[in-house]
Amino acid sequence: MRMATILLVLFAGYLAFRYAKVQASGTPIPVDPYDLNKDGKVDQADVALLQSVYGAVNPQNPLSVAADFDRNGVVNILDYGQLALHATR
């Protein structure tokens, strides 16, 4: 039970770090969760990263966790669909 709690707290901290950056002034800057490589756009490079972690989510691999957009424990076609919907136009 303690291990599950620790993992949950670590995961929550990871999500907080992953989804928000802070400017020098202290103002949060939203980060697009679909921009897996954090280059400012959702494109083929992000698709390639998603492909590299396709399958069961490995909790010890932050990219694997981040690519599971629907949080169902598997990086699959549903995650590809969400990534496609958020592609930079």
PDB file of N, CA and C in Angstrom:
ATOM      1  N   MET A   1       0.816  -1.192   0.000  1.00  0.00           N
ATOM      2  CA  MET A   1       0.000   0.000   0.000  1.00  0.00           C
ATOM      3  C   MET A   1       0.861   1.257   0.000  1.00  0.00           C
ATOM      4  N   ARG A   2       1.941   1.237   0.762  1.00  0.00           N
ATOM      5  CA  ARG A   2       2.812   2.412   0.818  1.00  0.00           C
ATOM      6  C   ARG A   2       3.462   2.685  -0.527  1.00  0.00           C
ATOM      7  N   MET A   3       3.871   1.614  -1.228  1.00  0.00           N
ATOM      8  CA  MET A   3       4.508   1.781  -2.535  1.00  0.00           C
ATOM      9  C   MET A   3       3.538   2.430  -3.512  1.00  0.00           C
ATOM     10  N   ALA A   4       2.276   2.033  -3.485  1.00  0.00           N
ATOM     11  CA  ALA A   4       1.272   2.615  -4.380  1.00  0.00           C
ATOM     12  C   ALA A   4       1.102   4.105  -4.087  1.00  0.00           C
ATOM     13  N   THR A   5       1.100   4.475  -2.828  1.00  0.00           N
ATOM     14  CA  THR A   5       0.965   5.871  -2.439  1.00  0.00           C
ATOM     15  C   THR A   5       2.167   6.687  -2.912  1.00  0.00           C
ATOM     16  N   ILE A   6       3.353   6.126  -2.731  1.00  0.00           N
ATOM     17  CA  ILE A   6       4.567   6.811  -3.164  1.00  0.00           C
ATOM     18  C   ILE A   6       4.551   7.006  -4.676  1.00  0.00           C
ATOM     19  N   LEU A   7       4.186   5.959  -5.408  1.00  0.00           N
ATOM     20  CA  LEU A   7       4.118   6.064  -6.865  1.00  0.00           C
ATOM     21  C   LEU A   7       3.090   7.097  -7.303  1.00  0.00           C
ATOM     22  N   LEU A   8       1.960   7.134  -6.621  1.00  0.00           N
ATOM     23  CA  LEU A   8       0.926   8.103  -6.956  1.00  0.00           C
ATOM     24  C   LEU A   8       1.411   9.532  -6.736  1.00  0.00           C
ATOM     25  N   VAL A   9       2.092   9.774  -5.628  1.00  0.00           N
ATOM     26  CA  VAL A   9       2.622  11.104  -5.329  1.00  0.00           C
ATOM     27  C   VAL A   9       3.691  11.488  -6.353  1.00  0.00           C
ATOM     28  N   LEU A  10       4.572  10.550  -6.697  1.00  0.00           N
ATOM     29  CA  LEU A  10       5.601  10.833  -7.695  1.00  0.00           C
ATOM     30  C   LEU A  10       4.978  11.131  -9.050  1.00  0.00           C
ATOM     31  N   PHE A  11       3.962  10.363  -9.416  1.00  0.00           N
ATOM     32  CA  PHE A  11       3.305  10.572 -10.697  1.00  0.00           C
ATOM     33  C   PHE A  11       2.606  11.930 -10.722  1.00  0.00           C
ATOM     34  N   ALA A  12       1.955  12.310  -9.648  1.00  0.00           N
ATOM     35  CA  ALA A  12       1.286  13.612  -9.578  1.00  0.00           C
ATOM     36  C   ALA A  12       2.309  14.747  -9.712  1.00  0.00           C
ATOM     37  N   GLY A  13       3.448  14.594  -9.061  1.00  0.00           N
ATOM     38  CA  GLY A  13       4.507  15.594  -9.190  1.00  0.00           C
ATOM     39  C   GLY A  13       5.046  15.668 -10.603  1.00  0.00           C
ATOM     40  N   TYR A  14       5.202  14.508 -11.223  1.00  0.00           N
ATOM     41  CA  TYR A  14       5.660  14.457 -12.609  1.00  0.00           C
ATOM     42  C   TYR A  14       4.671  15.185 -13.513  1.00  0.00           C
ATOM     43  N   LEU A  15       3.373  14.942 -13.336  1.00  0.00           N
ATOM     44  CA  LEU A  15       2.369  15.603 -14.171  1.00  0.00           C
ATOM     45  C   LEU A  15       2.391  17.113 -13.968  1.00  0.00           C
ATOM     46  N   ALA A  16       2.538  17.544 -12.733  1.00  0.00           N
ATOM     47  CA  ALA A  16       2.593  18.980 -12.458  1.00  0.00           C
ATOM     48  C   ALA A  16       3.795  19.606 -13.163  1.00  0.00           C
ATOM     49  N   PHE A  17       4.929  18.913 -13.147  1.00  0.00           N
ATOM     50  CA  PHE A  17       6.121  19.406 -13.822  1.00  0.00           C
ATOM     51  C   PHE A  17       5.949  19.361 -15.330  1.00  0.00           C
ATOM     52  N   ARG A  18       5.348  18.315 -15.825  1.00  0.00           N
ATOM     53  CA  ARG A  18       5.208  18.089 -17.266  1.00  0.00           C
ATOM     54  C   ARG A  18       4.281  19.104 -17.919  1.00  0.00           C
ATOM     55  N   TYR A  19       3.215  19.480 -17.237  1.00  0.00           N
ATOM     56  CA  TYR A  19       2.189  20.301 -17.866  1.00  0.00           C
ATOM     57  C   TYR A  19       2.295  21.789 -17.572  1.00  0.00           C
ATOM     58  N   ALA A  20       3.297  22.210 -16.845  1.00  0.00           N
ATOM     59  CA  ALA A  20       3.432  23.652 -16.599  1.00  0.00           C
ATOM     60  C   ALA A  20       4.894  24.031 -16.480  1.00  0.00           C
ATOM     61  N   LYS A  21       5.250  25.098 -17.158  1.00  0.00           N
ATOM     62  CA  LYS A  21       6.569  25.701 -17.004  1.00  0.00           C
ATOM     63  C   LYS A  21       6.336  27.052 -16.349  1.00  0.00           C
ATOM     64  N   VAL A  22       7.370  27.604 -15.771  1.00  0.00           N
ATOM     65  CA  VAL A  22       7.219  28.895 -15.099  1.00  0.00           C
ATOM     66  C   VAL A  22       8.192  29.895 -15.718  1.00  0.00           C
ATOM     67  N   GLN A  23       7.681  31.065 -16.067  1.00  0.00           N
ATOM     68  CA  GLN A  23       8.518  32.151 -16.579  1.00  0.00           C
ATOM     69  C   GLN A  23       9.377  32.683 -15.444  1.00  0.00           C
ATOM     70  N   ALA A  24      10.350  33.495 -15.804  1.00  0.00           N
ATOM     71  CA  ALA A  24      11.197  34.115 -14.786  1.00  0.00           C
ATOM     72  C   ALA A  24      10.363  34.954 -13.829  1.00  0.00           C
ATOM     73  N   SER A  25       9.241  35.507 -14.315  1.00  0.00           N
ATOM     74  CA  SER A  25       8.389  36.322 -13.458  1.00  0.00           C
ATOM     75  C   SER A  25       7.536  35.475 -12.518  1.00  0.00           C
ATOM     76  N   GLY A  26       7.544  34.162 -12.721  1.00  0.00           N
ATOM     77  CA  GLY A  26       6.749  33.286 -11.869  1.00  0.00           C
ATOM     78  C   GLY A  26       5.391  32.948 -12.452  1.00  0.00           C
ATOM     79  N   THR A  27       5.089  33.449 -13.647  1.00  0.00           N
ATOM     80  CA  THR A  27       3.806  33.175 -14.293  1.00  0.00           C
ATOM     81  C   THR A  27       3.875  31.842 -15.032  1.00  0.00           C
ATOM     82  N   PRO A  28       2.938  30.921 -14.760  1.00  0.00           N
ATOM     83  CA  PRO A  28       2.969  29.644 -15.461  1.00  0.00           C
ATOM     84  C   PRO A  28       2.733  29.795 -16.964  1.00  0.00           C
ATOM     85  N   ILE A  29       3.477  29.025 -17.753  1.00  0.00           N
ATOM     86  CA  ILE A  29       3.295  28.971 -19.198  1.00  0.00           C
ATOM     87  C   ILE A  29       2.736  27.585 -19.514  1.00  0.00           C
ATOM     88  N   PRO A  30       1.548  27.494 -20.107  1.00  0.00           N
ATOM     89  CA  PRO A  30       1.003  26.181 -20.403  1.00  0.00           C
ATOM     90  C   PRO A  30       1.874  25.440 -21.424  1.00  0.00           C
ATOM     91  N   VAL A  31       2.011  24.151 -21.222  1.00  0.00           N
ATOM     92  CA  VAL A  31       2.769  23.302 -22.124  1.00  0.00           C
ATOM     93  C   VAL A  31       1.785  22.324 -22.753  1.00  0.00           C
ATOM     94  N   ASP A  32       1.862  22.170 -24.071  1.00  0.00           N
ATOM     95  CA  ASP A  32       0.971  21.252 -24.772  1.00  0.00           C
ATOM     96  C   ASP A  32       1.372  19.815 -24.454  1.00  0.00           C
ATOM     97  N   PRO A  33       0.518  19.031 -23.816  1.00  0.00           N
ATOM     98  CA  PRO A  33       0.872  17.655 -23.470  1.00  0.00           C
ATOM     99  C   PRO A  33       1.063  16.765 -24.697  1.00  0.00           C
ATOM    100  N   TYR A  34       0.575  17.197 -25.849  1.00  0.00           N
ATOM    101  CA  TYR A  34       0.715  16.398 -27.069  1.00  0.00           C
ATOM    102  C   TYR A  34       2.036  16.694 -27.779  1.00  0.00           C
ATOM    103  N   ASP A  35       2.735  17.714 -27.365  1.00  0.00           N
ATOM    104  CA  ASP A  35       4.045  18.046 -27.909  1.00  0.00           C
ATOM    105  C   ASP A  35       5.089  17.251 -27.128  1.00  0.00           C
ATOM    106  N   LEU A  36       5.255  15.988 -27.494  1.00  0.00           N
ATOM    107  CA  LEU A  36       6.081  15.070 -26.715  1.00  0.00           C
ATOM    108  C   LEU A  36       7.555  15.471 -26.664  1.00  0.00           C
ATOM    109  N   ASN A  37       8.064  16.110 -27.711  1.00  0.00           N
ATOM    110  CA  ASN A  37       9.473  16.497 -27.704  1.00  0.00           C
ATOM    111  C   ASN A  37       9.681  17.966 -27.296  1.00  0.00           C
ATOM    112  N   LYS A  38       8.598  18.657 -26.970  1.00  0.00           N
ATOM    113  CA  LYS A  38       8.627  20.040 -26.442  1.00  0.00           C
ATOM    114  C   LYS A  38       9.353  21.013 -27.360  1.00  0.00           C
ATOM    115  N   ASP A  39       9.075  20.891 -28.682  1.00  0.00           N
ATOM    116  CA  ASP A  39       9.673  21.829 -29.626  1.00  0.00           C
ATOM    117  C   ASP A  39       8.707  22.929 -30.045  1.00  0.00           C
ATOM    118  N   GLY A  40       7.534  22.975 -29.404  1.00  0.00           N
ATOM    119  CA  GLY A  40       6.574  24.030 -29.673  1.00  0.00           C
ATOM    120  C   GLY A  40       5.530  23.689 -30.722  1.00  0.00           C
ATOM    121  N   LYS A  41       5.592  22.492 -31.282  1.00  0.00           N
ATOM    122  CA  LYS A  41       4.579  22.085 -32.254  1.00  0.00           C
ATOM    123  C   LYS A  41       4.341  20.578 -32.152  1.00  0.00           C
ATOM    124  N   VAL A  42       3.142  20.173 -32.522  1.00  0.00           N
ATOM    125  CA  VAL A  42       2.779  18.755 -32.543  1.00  0.00           C
ATOM    126  C   VAL A  42       2.896  18.310 -33.995  1.00  0.00           C
ATOM    127  N   ASP A  43       3.882  17.473 -34.284  1.00  0.00           N
ATOM    128  CA  ASP A  43       4.174  17.108 -35.666  1.00  0.00           C
ATOM    129  C   ASP A  43       4.665  15.669 -35.773  1.00  0.00           C
ATOM    130  N   GLN A  44       5.297  15.337 -36.907  1.00  0.00           N
ATOM    131  CA  GLN A  44       5.763  13.971 -37.162  1.00  0.00           C
ATOM    132  C   GLN A  44       6.793  13.516 -36.136  1.00  0.00           C
ATOM    133  N   ALA A  45       7.574  14.426 -35.605  1.00  0.00           N
ATOM    134  CA  ALA A  45       8.559  14.057 -34.582  1.00  0.00           C
ATOM    135  C   ALA A  45       7.846  13.504 -33.343  1.00  0.00           C
ATOM    136  N   ASP A  46       6.706  14.083 -33.007  1.00  0.00           N
ATOM    137  CA  ASP A  46       5.936  13.592 -31.864  1.00  0.00           C
ATOM    138  C   ASP A  46       5.304  12.235 -32.173  1.00  0.00           C
ATOM    139  N   VAL A  47       4.881  12.045 -33.424  1.00  0.00           N
ATOM    140  CA  VAL A  47       4.349  10.742 -33.845  1.00  0.00           C
ATOM    141  C   VAL A  47       5.436   9.677 -33.717  1.00  0.00           C
ATOM    142  N   ALA A  48       6.649  10.013 -34.130  1.00  0.00           N
ATOM    143  CA  ALA A  48       7.759   9.065 -34.032  1.00  0.00           C
ATOM    144  C   ALA A  48       8.036   8.687 -32.573  1.00  0.00           C
ATOM    145  N   LEU A  49       7.963   9.661 -31.682  1.00  0.00           N
ATOM    146  CA  LEU A  49       8.163   9.365 -30.256  1.00  0.00           C
ATOM    147  C   LEU A  49       7.050   8.471 -29.725  1.00  0.00           C
ATOM    148  N   LEU A  50       5.814   8.746 -30.140  1.00  0.00           N
ATOM    149  CA  LEU A  50       4.698   7.913 -29.713  1.00  0.00           C
ATOM    150  C   LEU A  50       4.893   6.478 -30.216  1.00  0.00           C
ATOM    151  N   GLN A  51       5.339   6.327 -31.461  1.00  0.00           N
ATOM    152  CA  GLN A  51       5.592   4.998 -32.011  1.00  0.00           C
ATOM    153  C   GLN A  51       6.666   4.263 -31.223  1.00  0.00           C
ATOM    154  N   SER A  52       7.651   4.994 -30.729  1.00  0.00           N
ATOM    155  CA  SER A  52       8.765   4.356 -30.020  1.00  0.00           C
ATOM    156  C   SER A  52       8.345   3.742 -28.688  1.00  0.00           C
ATOM    157  N   VAL A  53       7.200   4.165 -28.160  1.00  0.00           N
ATOM    158  CA  VAL A  53       6.727   3.622 -26.877  1.00  0.00           C
ATOM    159  C   VAL A  53       5.382   2.910 -27.020  1.00  0.00           C
ATOM    160  N   TYR A  54       5.026   2.539 -28.260  1.00  0.00           N
ATOM    161  CA  TYR A  54       3.745   1.878 -28.523  1.00  0.00           C
ATOM    162  C   TYR A  54       3.641   0.588 -27.715  1.00  0.00           C
ATOM    163  N   GLY A  55       2.506   0.373 -27.097  1.00  0.00           N
ATOM    164  CA  GLY A  55       2.259  -0.836 -26.297  1.00  0.00           C
ATOM    165  C   GLY A  55       1.976  -0.481 -24.852  1.00  0.00           C
ATOM    166  N   ALA A  56       2.225  -1.434 -23.988  1.00  0.00           N
ATOM    167  CA  ALA A  56       1.953  -1.244 -22.563  1.00  0.00           C
ATOM    168  C   ALA A  56       2.804  -0.119 -21.997  1.00  0.00           C
ATOM    169  N   VAL A  57       2.209   0.680 -21.127  1.00  0.00           N
ATOM    170  CA  VAL A  57       2.908   1.802 -20.505  1.00  0.00           C
ATOM    171  C   VAL A  57       3.887   1.282 -19.465  1.00  0.00           C
ATOM    172  N   ASN A  58       5.103   1.789 -19.512  1.00  0.00           N
ATOM    173  CA  ASN A  58       6.122   1.485 -18.519  1.00  0.00           C
ATOM    174  C   ASN A  58       6.192   2.675 -17.570  1.00  0.00           C
ATOM    175  N   PRO A  59       5.741   2.526 -16.327  1.00  0.00           N
ATOM    176  CA  PRO A  59       5.721   3.658 -15.392  1.00  0.00           C
ATOM    177  C   PRO A  59       7.096   4.271 -15.139  1.00  0.00           C
ATOM    178  N   GLN A  60       8.158   3.526 -15.426  1.00  0.00           N
ATOM    179  CA  GLN A  60       9.503   4.052 -15.205  1.00  0.00           C
ATOM    180  C   GLN A  60      10.023   4.840 -16.409  1.00  0.00           C
ATOM    181  N   ASN A  61       9.244   4.889 -17.486  1.00  0.00           N
ATOM    182  CA  ASN A  61       9.622   5.641 -18.676  1.00  0.00           C
ATOM    183  C   ASN A  61       8.676   6.840 -18.817  1.00  0.00           C
ATOM    184  N   PRO A  62       9.152   8.043 -18.501  1.00  0.00           N
ATOM    185  CA  PRO A  62       8.271   9.219 -18.555  1.00  0.00           C
ATOM    186  C   PRO A  62       7.637   9.454 -19.926  1.00  0.00           C
ATOM    187  N   LEU A  63       8.347   9.142 -20.995  1.00  0.00           N
ATOM    188  CA  LEU A  63       7.782   9.311 -22.332  1.00  0.00           C
ATOM    189  C   LEU A  63       6.614   8.359 -22.545  1.00  0.00           C
ATOM    190  N   SER A  64       6.758   7.148 -22.065  1.00  0.00           N
ATOM    191  CA  SER A  64       5.690   6.154 -22.178  1.00  0.00           C
ATOM    192  C   SER A  64       4.437   6.625 -21.442  1.00  0.00           C
ATOM    193  N   VAL A  65       4.624   7.165 -20.258  1.00  0.00           N
ATOM    194  CA  VAL A  65       3.495   7.675 -19.466  1.00  0.00           C
ATOM    195  C   VAL A  65       2.868   8.886 -20.162  1.00  0.00           C
ATOM    196  N   ALA A  66       3.701   9.780 -20.669  1.00  0.00           N
ATOM    197  CA  ALA A  66       3.204  10.997 -21.328  1.00  0.00           C
ATOM    198  C   ALA A  66       2.452  10.678 -22.615  1.00  0.00           C
ATOM    199  N   ALA A  67       2.865   9.643 -23.336  1.00  0.00           N
ATOM    200  CA  ALA A  67       2.233   9.296 -24.611  1.00  0.00           C
ATOM    201  C   ALA A  67       0.895   8.586 -24.439  1.00  0.00           C
ATOM    202  N   ASP A  68       0.600   8.137 -23.237  1.00  0.00           N
ATOM    203  CA  ASP A  68      -0.692   7.495 -22.965  1.00  0.00           C
ATOM    204  C   ASP A  68      -1.690   8.600 -22.611  1.00  0.00           C
ATOM    205  N   PHE A  69      -2.159   9.308 -23.637  1.00  0.00           N
ATOM    206  CA  PHE A  69      -2.989  10.486 -23.431  1.00  0.00           C
ATOM    207  C   PHE A  69      -4.303  10.192 -22.732  1.00  0.00           C
ATOM    208  N   ASP A  70      -4.884   9.023 -22.988  1.00  0.00           N
ATOM    209  CA  ASP A  70      -6.164   8.708 -22.361  1.00  0.00           C
ATOM    210  C   ASP A  70      -6.001   7.960 -21.037  1.00  0.00           C
ATOM    211  N   ARG A  71      -4.757   7.753 -20.626  1.00  0.00           N
ATOM    212  CA  ARG A  71      -4.436   7.128 -19.325  1.00  0.00           C
ATOM    213  C   ARG A  71      -5.123   5.772 -19.116  1.00  0.00           C
ATOM    214  N   ASN A  72      -5.137   4.946 -20.179  1.00  0.00           N
ATOM    215  CA  ASN A  72      -5.731   3.616 -20.042  1.00  0.00           C
ATOM    216  C   ASN A  72      -4.680   2.531 -19.846  1.00  0.00           C
ATOM    217  N   GLY A  73      -3.414   2.911 -19.697  1.00  0.00           N
ATOM    218  CA  GLY A  73      -2.352   1.954 -19.434  1.00  0.00           C
ATOM    219  C   GLY A  73      -1.711   1.370 -20.679  1.00  0.00           C
ATOM    220  N   VAL A  74      -2.160   1.826 -21.858  1.00  0.00           N
ATOM    221  CA  VAL A  74      -1.629   1.315 -23.123  1.00  0.00           C
ATOM    222  C   VAL A  74      -1.485   2.483 -24.094  1.00  0.00           C
ATOM    223  N   VAL A  75      -0.335   2.564 -24.754  1.00  0.00           N
ATOM    224  CA  VAL A  75      -0.168   3.534 -25.840  1.00  0.00           C
ATOM    225  C   VAL A  75      -0.634   2.810 -27.097  1.00  0.00           C
ATOM    226  N   ASN A  76      -1.771   3.259 -27.644  1.00  0.00           N
ATOM    227  CA  ASN A  76      -2.377   2.533 -28.765  1.00  0.00           C
ATOM    228  C   ASN A  76      -2.988   3.511 -29.775  1.00  0.00           C
ATOM    229  N   ILE A  77      -3.826   2.984 -30.652  1.00  0.00           N
ATOM    230  CA  ILE A  77      -4.423   3.779 -31.726  1.00  0.00           C
ATOM    231  C   ILE A  77      -5.268   4.939 -31.185  1.00  0.00           C
ATOM    232  N   LEU A  78      -5.830   4.783 -30.002  1.00  0.00           N
ATOM    233  CA  LEU A  78      -6.610   5.870 -29.402  1.00  0.00           C
ATOM    234  C   LEU A  78      -5.711   7.077 -29.102  1.00  0.00           C
ATOM    235  N   ASP A  79      -4.494   6.786 -28.677  1.00  0.00           N
ATOM    236  CA  ASP A  79      -3.543   7.869 -28.409  1.00  0.00           C
ATOM    237  C   ASP A  79      -3.078   8.523 -29.706  1.00  0.00           C
ATOM    238  N   TYR A  80      -2.899   7.701 -30.765  1.00  0.00           N
ATOM    239  CA  TYR A  80      -2.581   8.268 -32.078  1.00  0.00           C
ATOM    240  C   TYR A  80      -3.676   9.237 -32.509  1.00  0.00           C
ATOM    241  N   GLY A  81      -4.922   8.848 -32.296  1.00  0.00           N
ATOM    242  CA  GLY A  81      -6.051   9.704 -32.685  1.00  0.00           C
ATOM    243  C   GLY A  81      -6.016  11.030 -31.959  1.00  0.00           C
ATOM    244  N   GLN A  82      -5.750  10.997 -30.665  1.00  0.00           N
ATOM    245  CA  GLN A  82      -5.683  12.245 -29.905  1.00  0.00           C
ATOM    246  C   GLN A  82      -4.527  13.118 -30.372  1.00  0.00           C
ATOM    247  N   LEU A  83      -3.398  12.487 -30.672  1.00  0.00           N
ATOM    248  CA  LEU A  83      -2.256  13.239 -31.161  1.00  0.00           C
ATOM    249  C   LEU A  83      -2.595  13.893 -32.510  1.00  0.00           C
ATOM    250  N   ALA A  84      -3.264  13.157 -33.378  1.00  0.00           N
ATOM    251  CA  ALA A  84      -3.647  13.692 -34.693  1.00  0.00           C
ATOM    252  C   ALA A  84      -4.593  14.881 -34.546  1.00  0.00           C
ATOM    253  N   LEU A  85      -5.513  14.818 -33.586  1.00  0.00           N
ATOM    254  CA  LEU A  85      -6.464  15.910 -33.384  1.00  0.00           C
ATOM    255  C   LEU A  85      -5.757  17.193 -32.930  1.00  0.00           C
ATOM    256  N   HIS A  86      -4.621  17.048 -32.287  1.00  0.00           N
ATOM    257  CA  HIS A  86      -3.920  18.211 -31.749  1.00  0.00           C
ATOM    258  C   HIS A  86      -2.709  18.610 -32.577  1.00  0.00           C
ATOM    259  N   ALA A  87      -2.582  18.034 -33.752  1.00  0.00           N
ATOM    260  CA  ALA A  87      -1.435  18.353 -34.618  1.00  0.00           C
ATOM    261  C   ALA A  87      -1.418  19.834 -34.956  1.00  0.00           C
ATOM    262  N   THR A  88      -0.224  20.408 -34.977  1.00  0.00           N
ATOM    263  CA  THR A  88      -0.047  21.808 -35.345  1.00  0.00           C
ATOM    264  C   THR A  88      -0.413  21.983 -36.801  1.00  0.00           C
ATOM    265  N   ARG A  89      -1.237  22.950 -37.070  1.00  0.00           N
ATOM    266  CA  ARG A  89      -1.694  23.169 -38.443  1.00  0.00           C
ATOM    267  C   ARG A  89      -0.876  24.248 -39.117  1.00  0.00           C
TER     268      ARG A  89
END
